[in-house]
Each structure stands twice: as structure tokens, then as C-alpha cells.
Protein backbone atom coordinates (compact mmCIF):
# COMPACT_ATOMS: atom_id res chain seq x y z
CA UNK A 1 90.83 120.97 83.08
CA UNK A 2 90.94 117.95 85.42
CA UNK A 3 87.75 117.22 87.42
CA UNK A 4 88.05 117.82 91.15
CA UNK A 5 88.34 114.71 93.27
CA UNK A 6 86.15 114.45 96.38
CA UNK A 7 86.60 112.24 99.41
CA UNK A 8 83.40 110.66 100.69
CA UNK A 9 82.92 108.78 103.97
CA UNK A 10 80.83 105.78 102.92
CA UNK A 11 79.29 103.71 105.74
CA UNK A 12 77.52 101.07 103.62
CA UNK A 13 80.61 99.34 102.16
CA UNK A 14 82.06 96.10 103.54
CA UNK A 15 84.44 96.29 106.49
CA UNK A 16 88.17 96.51 105.91
CA UNK A 17 89.46 92.98 105.52
CA UNK A 18 92.79 93.86 107.14
CA UNK A 19 91.75 95.54 110.43
CA UNK A 20 87.96 94.90 110.42
CA UNK A 21 87.15 98.63 110.73
CA UNK A 22 83.51 98.99 109.68
CA UNK A 23 82.30 102.53 110.53
CA UNK A 24 83.11 103.90 107.08
CA UNK A 25 85.59 103.82 104.20
CA UNK A 26 87.07 106.85 102.46
CA UNK A 27 86.13 106.82 98.78
CA UNK A 28 88.04 109.17 96.49
CA UNK A 29 85.96 109.95 93.42
CA UNK A 30 85.42 112.56 90.74
CA UNK A 31 81.83 111.59 89.87
CA UNK A 32 80.48 109.54 92.79
CA UNK A 33 78.17 110.65 95.55
CA UNK A 34 77.04 109.18 98.89
CA UNK A 35 74.55 106.83 97.25
CA UNK A 36 76.25 106.10 93.90
CA UNK A 37 79.88 105.07 93.35
CA UNK A 38 81.77 104.29 90.16
CA UNK A 39 83.93 101.37 89.05
CA UNK A 40 87.56 102.25 89.74
CA UNK A 41 86.95 104.80 92.51
CA UNK A 42 89.86 104.59 94.96
CA UNK A 43 89.06 103.40 98.52
CA UNK A 44 91.13 103.67 101.69
CA UNK A 45 90.58 102.53 105.27
CA UNK A 46 90.93 105.45 107.71
CA UNK A 47 92.09 103.08 110.45
CA UNK A 48 94.95 101.12 108.84
CA UNK A 49 95.45 102.73 105.39
CA UNK A 50 94.50 99.53 103.54
CA UNK A 51 93.66 100.41 99.94
CA UNK A 52 91.25 99.13 97.37
CA UNK A 53 88.91 100.13 94.60
CA UNK A 54 85.23 100.09 93.84
CA UNK A 55 83.98 97.31 91.62
CA UNK A 56 80.45 96.92 90.33
CA UNK A 57 78.25 93.98 89.43
CA UNK A 58 74.76 94.37 87.98
CA UNK A 59 74.43 97.90 89.32
CA UNK A 60 75.72 97.12 92.82
CA UNK A 61 78.96 98.65 94.07
CA UNK A 62 81.36 96.96 96.47
CA UNK A 63 84.94 97.43 97.59
CA UNK A 64 87.73 95.12 96.50
CA UNK A 65 90.43 95.50 99.15
CA UNK A 66 94.10 95.13 98.17
CA UNK A 67 95.06 93.22 101.30
CA UNK A 68 94.17 89.56 100.98
CA UNK A 69 93.66 87.44 104.07
């Protein structure tokens, strides 16, 4: 049985580097919650559909956007 994937609206991640939307990012995760995300969780911008993934460093999560300026 495959775990169910949830979509979370996360407001504390960095803004989208493509369109600068900063209200929230959609994080698609099977294990994460509003205050704890996992390496490899898929991220999308609800404004321009830019994509990325969650990366972690020393217990801190951040988004690595696909679009590079």
C-alpha cells in the first residue's frame, strides 16, 4: 500500500525565485506536516508553477527551486 500524499500550504519557505510569490508554497509530502518537512518533498509555486524540492541542512528545511535566475 502506497502512503497517501498530502499537499500543505507552507508560508515559512523562501519566495519563488521565478515570480517572487511569497505568501506560501505548495509542498507535496507523504510524511511532512506544517512545521516539519522532509528532504525530497516536492514543492510547487501556486502562482507560476515553478517546481522544486525540499533540502535540509543541520535540521533546517529550505526549498531548492528548479528555475535558476
